[in-house]
Amino acid sequence: MKKSAKKRVRQSAEARMNNRETKSTFRTAIKNFDAAVTAGDKAKAEAAMKLSIKLLDTAAGNGIIHHNTADRKKSRISLKFNKMA
């Protein structure tokens, strides 16, 4: 295996781990938001919503998820939050 191929394998492995961590982080934030909505805690839900949207935007900006996917998830989060009223 060429030296450049070995380097590329290393880089790919590190990028894959970073991408998995980012995905896991925003999925957890969305789950926390859903839990807050279910509990009826509007203040906690608002904080979780802001964090979720920020993480989704970051993931979309870094190309980890498609920007349409991020927009769809943000839209669904906003709808859930607005229905809390």
N, C-alpha and C. Protein backbone atom coordinates (compact mmCIF):
# COMPACT_ATOMS: atom_id res chain seq x y z
N MET A 1 0.84 -1.17 0.00
CA MET A 1 0.00 0.00 0.00
C MET A 1 0.89 1.25 0.00
N LYS A 2 0.55 2.19 -0.85
CA LYS A 2 1.33 3.42 -0.94
C LYS A 2 1.20 4.24 0.33
N LYS A 3 2.18 5.10 0.54
CA LYS A 3 2.18 5.96 1.70
C LYS A 3 0.96 6.88 1.70
N SER A 4 0.62 7.41 0.52
CA SER A 4 -0.53 8.32 0.42
C SER A 4 -1.84 7.58 0.70
N ALA A 5 -1.91 6.31 0.32
CA ALA A 5 -3.12 5.52 0.57
C ALA A 5 -3.28 5.26 2.07
N LYS A 6 -2.16 4.99 2.74
CA LYS A 6 -2.21 4.78 4.19
C LYS A 6 -2.68 6.05 4.90
N LYS A 7 -2.15 7.18 4.43
CA LYS A 7 -2.55 8.45 5.03
C LYS A 7 -4.05 8.70 4.83
N ARG A 8 -4.52 8.38 3.62
CA ARG A 8 -5.94 8.59 3.32
C ARG A 8 -6.83 7.71 4.20
N VAL A 9 -6.38 6.49 4.47
CA VAL A 9 -7.13 5.59 5.35
C VAL A 9 -7.22 6.19 6.75
N ARG A 10 -6.09 6.73 7.22
CA ARG A 10 -6.07 7.37 8.55
C ARG A 10 -7.02 8.56 8.59
N GLN A 11 -6.94 9.39 7.56
CA GLN A 11 -7.79 10.59 7.50
C GLN A 11 -9.27 10.21 7.45
N SER A 12 -9.58 9.22 6.64
CA SER A 12 -10.98 8.78 6.51
C SER A 12 -11.52 8.25 7.83
N ALA A 13 -10.70 7.49 8.53
CA ALA A 13 -11.12 6.93 9.81
C ALA A 13 -11.39 8.04 10.82
N GLU A 14 -10.53 9.04 10.84
CA GLU A 14 -10.72 10.14 11.78
C GLU A 14 -11.96 10.96 11.42
N ALA A 15 -12.14 11.23 10.13
CA ALA A 15 -13.31 11.99 9.68
C ALA A 15 -14.59 11.24 10.01
N ARG A 16 -14.58 9.91 9.80
CA ARG A 16 -15.76 9.09 10.08
C ARG A 16 -16.12 9.18 11.57
N MET A 17 -15.11 9.13 12.43
CA MET A 17 -15.38 9.21 13.87
C MET A 17 -15.94 10.59 14.25
N ASN A 18 -15.37 11.64 13.66
CA ASN A 18 -15.87 12.99 13.94
C ASN A 18 -17.31 13.15 13.46
N ASN A 19 -17.61 12.61 12.28
CA ASN A 19 -18.96 12.70 11.74
C ASN A 19 -19.96 11.93 12.60
N ARG A 20 -19.55 10.75 13.07
CA ARG A 20 -20.43 9.95 13.93
C ARG A 20 -20.70 10.69 15.24
N GLU A 21 -19.67 11.32 15.78
CA GLU A 21 -19.83 12.07 17.03
C GLU A 21 -20.80 13.23 16.84
N THR A 22 -20.66 13.95 15.73
CA THR A 22 -21.54 15.08 15.45
C THR A 22 -22.98 14.62 15.29
N LYS A 23 -23.19 13.53 14.54
CA LYS A 23 -24.54 13.00 14.35
C LYS A 23 -25.15 12.57 15.67
N SER A 24 -24.36 11.88 16.47
CA SER A 24 -24.83 11.40 17.77
C SER A 24 -25.23 12.58 18.66
N THR A 25 -24.44 13.64 18.61
CA THR A 25 -24.70 14.82 19.45
C THR A 25 -26.03 15.47 19.09
N PHE A 26 -26.28 15.67 17.78
CA PHE A 26 -27.55 16.33 17.45
C PHE A 26 -28.74 15.39 17.63
N ARG A 27 -28.54 14.09 17.46
CA ARG A 27 -29.64 13.15 17.73
C ARG A 27 -30.01 13.17 19.21
N THR A 28 -29.01 13.21 20.07
CA THR A 28 -29.26 13.27 21.51
C THR A 28 -29.97 14.56 21.88
N ALA A 29 -29.56 15.68 21.27
CA ALA A 29 -30.20 16.97 21.54
C ALA A 29 -31.67 16.92 21.14
N ILE A 30 -31.97 16.30 20.01
CA ILE A 30 -33.36 16.19 19.55
C ILE A 30 -34.17 15.30 20.50
N LYS A 31 -33.56 14.23 21.00
CA LYS A 31 -34.24 13.36 21.96
C LYS A 31 -34.53 14.11 23.26
N ASN A 32 -33.58 14.94 23.70
CA ASN A 32 -33.79 15.75 24.90
C ASN A 32 -34.93 16.75 24.69
N PHE A 33 -35.00 17.32 23.49
CA PHE A 33 -36.09 18.24 23.15
C PHE A 33 -37.43 17.50 23.21
N ASP A 34 -37.50 16.32 22.60
CA ASP A 34 -38.74 15.54 22.61
C ASP A 34 -39.17 15.20 24.03
N ALA A 35 -38.20 14.87 24.87
CA ALA A 35 -38.50 14.54 26.26
C ALA A 35 -39.07 15.76 26.99
N ALA A 36 -38.50 16.94 26.72
CA ALA A 36 -38.98 18.16 27.37
C ALA A 36 -40.39 18.50 26.90
N VAL A 37 -40.67 18.29 25.62
CA VAL A 37 -42.01 18.56 25.09
C VAL A 37 -43.01 17.61 25.72
N THR A 38 -42.64 16.33 25.81
CA THR A 38 -43.52 15.33 26.41
C THR A 38 -43.82 15.67 27.88
N ALA A 39 -42.79 16.17 28.58
CA ALA A 39 -42.95 16.54 29.98
C ALA A 39 -43.73 17.84 30.14
N GLY A 40 -43.83 18.62 29.06
CA GLY A 40 -44.56 19.89 29.12
C GLY A 40 -43.74 21.03 29.69
N ASP A 41 -42.44 20.88 29.76
CA ASP A 41 -41.55 21.90 30.30
C ASP A 41 -41.13 22.85 29.18
N LYS A 42 -41.82 23.98 29.07
CA LYS A 42 -41.60 24.88 27.95
C LYS A 42 -40.22 25.52 27.97
N ALA A 43 -39.73 25.91 29.13
CA ALA A 43 -38.41 26.54 29.22
C ALA A 43 -37.31 25.58 28.80
N LYS A 44 -37.40 24.36 29.30
CA LYS A 44 -36.40 23.35 28.95
C LYS A 44 -36.49 23.00 27.47
N ALA A 45 -37.71 22.93 26.95
CA ALA A 45 -37.91 22.61 25.53
C ALA A 45 -37.33 23.71 24.64
N GLU A 46 -37.50 24.96 25.06
CA GLU A 46 -36.96 26.06 24.26
C GLU A 46 -35.43 26.02 24.21
N ALA A 47 -34.81 25.75 25.35
CA ALA A 47 -33.35 25.65 25.39
C ALA A 47 -32.87 24.48 24.53
N ALA A 48 -33.57 23.35 24.63
CA ALA A 48 -33.20 22.17 23.84
C ALA A 48 -33.42 22.42 22.35
N MET A 49 -34.47 23.18 22.03
CA MET A 49 -34.75 23.49 20.63
C MET A 49 -33.63 24.35 20.04
N LYS A 50 -33.20 25.35 20.78
CA LYS A 50 -32.13 26.23 20.29
C LYS A 50 -30.85 25.44 20.07
N LEU A 51 -30.53 24.56 21.00
CA LEU A 51 -29.32 23.74 20.87
C LEU A 51 -29.44 22.80 19.67
N SER A 52 -30.59 22.16 19.51
CA SER A 52 -30.80 21.22 18.41
C SER A 52 -30.64 21.92 17.07
N ILE A 53 -31.25 23.09 16.94
CA ILE A 53 -31.18 23.83 15.68
C ILE A 53 -29.74 24.24 15.39
N LYS A 54 -29.03 24.68 16.41
CA LYS A 54 -27.63 25.06 16.22
C LYS A 54 -26.79 23.86 15.76
N LEU A 55 -26.99 22.72 16.39
CA LEU A 55 -26.23 21.53 16.02
C LEU A 55 -26.58 21.04 14.62
N LEU A 56 -27.86 21.13 14.25
CA LEU A 56 -28.27 20.73 12.90
C LEU A 56 -27.64 21.65 11.84
N ASP A 57 -27.62 22.94 12.12
CA ASP A 57 -27.01 23.88 11.18
C ASP A 57 -25.52 23.60 11.02
N THR A 58 -24.86 23.29 12.13
CA THR A 58 -23.44 22.97 12.08
C THR A 58 -23.19 21.71 11.26
N ALA A 59 -23.99 20.68 11.49
CA ALA A 59 -23.83 19.43 10.76
C ALA A 59 -24.07 19.64 9.26
N ALA A 60 -25.08 20.43 8.92
CA ALA A 60 -25.37 20.71 7.52
C ALA A 60 -24.24 21.53 6.89
N GLY A 61 -23.73 22.49 7.63
CA GLY A 61 -22.65 23.33 7.13
C GLY A 61 -21.37 22.55 6.87
N ASN A 62 -21.15 21.51 7.67
CA ASN A 62 -19.95 20.68 7.50
C ASN A 62 -20.17 19.53 6.53
N GLY A 63 -21.37 19.44 5.96
CA GLY A 63 -21.64 18.40 4.97
C GLY A 63 -21.90 17.04 5.56
N ILE A 64 -22.18 16.97 6.85
CA ILE A 64 -22.43 15.69 7.50
C ILE A 64 -23.85 15.21 7.17
N ILE A 65 -24.79 16.16 7.11
CA ILE A 65 -26.13 15.85 6.64
C ILE A 65 -26.50 16.88 5.57
N HIS A 66 -27.43 16.54 4.69
CA HIS A 66 -27.86 17.44 3.63
C HIS A 66 -28.62 18.61 4.24
N HIS A 67 -28.50 19.79 3.63
CA HIS A 67 -29.15 20.96 4.21
C HIS A 67 -30.67 20.83 4.20
N ASN A 68 -31.24 20.09 3.24
CA ASN A 68 -32.69 19.89 3.24
C ASN A 68 -33.11 19.01 4.42
N THR A 69 -32.28 18.04 4.77
CA THR A 69 -32.57 17.18 5.92
C THR A 69 -32.56 18.02 7.19
N ALA A 70 -31.57 18.89 7.31
CA ALA A 70 -31.48 19.76 8.48
C ALA A 70 -32.69 20.67 8.56
N ASP A 71 -33.09 21.26 7.42
CA ASP A 71 -34.25 22.15 7.39
C ASP A 71 -35.53 21.41 7.78
N ARG A 72 -35.68 20.18 7.28
CA ARG A 72 -36.87 19.38 7.60
C ARG A 72 -36.93 19.08 9.10
N LYS A 73 -35.80 18.68 9.68
CA LYS A 73 -35.77 18.38 11.11
C LYS A 73 -36.05 19.63 11.94
N LYS A 74 -35.48 20.77 11.53
CA LYS A 74 -35.71 22.03 12.24
C LYS A 74 -37.18 22.42 12.17
N SER A 75 -37.79 22.22 11.01
CA SER A 75 -39.20 22.54 10.83
C SER A 75 -40.07 21.70 11.77
N ARG A 76 -39.76 20.41 11.85
CA ARG A 76 -40.54 19.52 12.71
C ARG A 76 -40.37 19.87 14.18
N ILE A 77 -39.16 20.26 14.55
CA ILE A 77 -38.89 20.67 15.93
C ILE A 77 -39.71 21.93 16.24
N SER A 78 -39.69 22.91 15.34
CA SER A 78 -40.43 24.16 15.55
C SER A 78 -41.93 23.90 15.66
N LEU A 79 -42.45 23.02 14.82
CA LEU A 79 -43.88 22.70 14.88
C LEU A 79 -44.25 22.09 16.23
N LYS A 80 -43.44 21.18 16.70
CA LYS A 80 -43.70 20.55 18.01
C LYS A 80 -43.68 21.60 19.11
N PHE A 81 -42.71 22.50 19.03
CA PHE A 81 -42.59 23.53 20.08
C PHE A 81 -43.80 24.47 20.04
N ASN A 82 -44.21 24.87 18.85
CA ASN A 82 -45.35 25.80 18.72
C ASN A 82 -46.66 25.16 19.15
N LYS A 83 -46.77 23.84 19.02
CA LYS A 83 -47.98 23.15 19.45
C LYS A 83 -48.08 23.04 20.97
N MET A 84 -46.97 23.26 21.65
CA MET A 84 -46.97 23.17 23.12
C MET A 84 -47.92 24.18 23.76
N ALA A 85 -47.89 25.41 23.26
CA ALA A 85 -48.68 26.54 23.78
C ALA A 85 -49.51 26.21 24.93
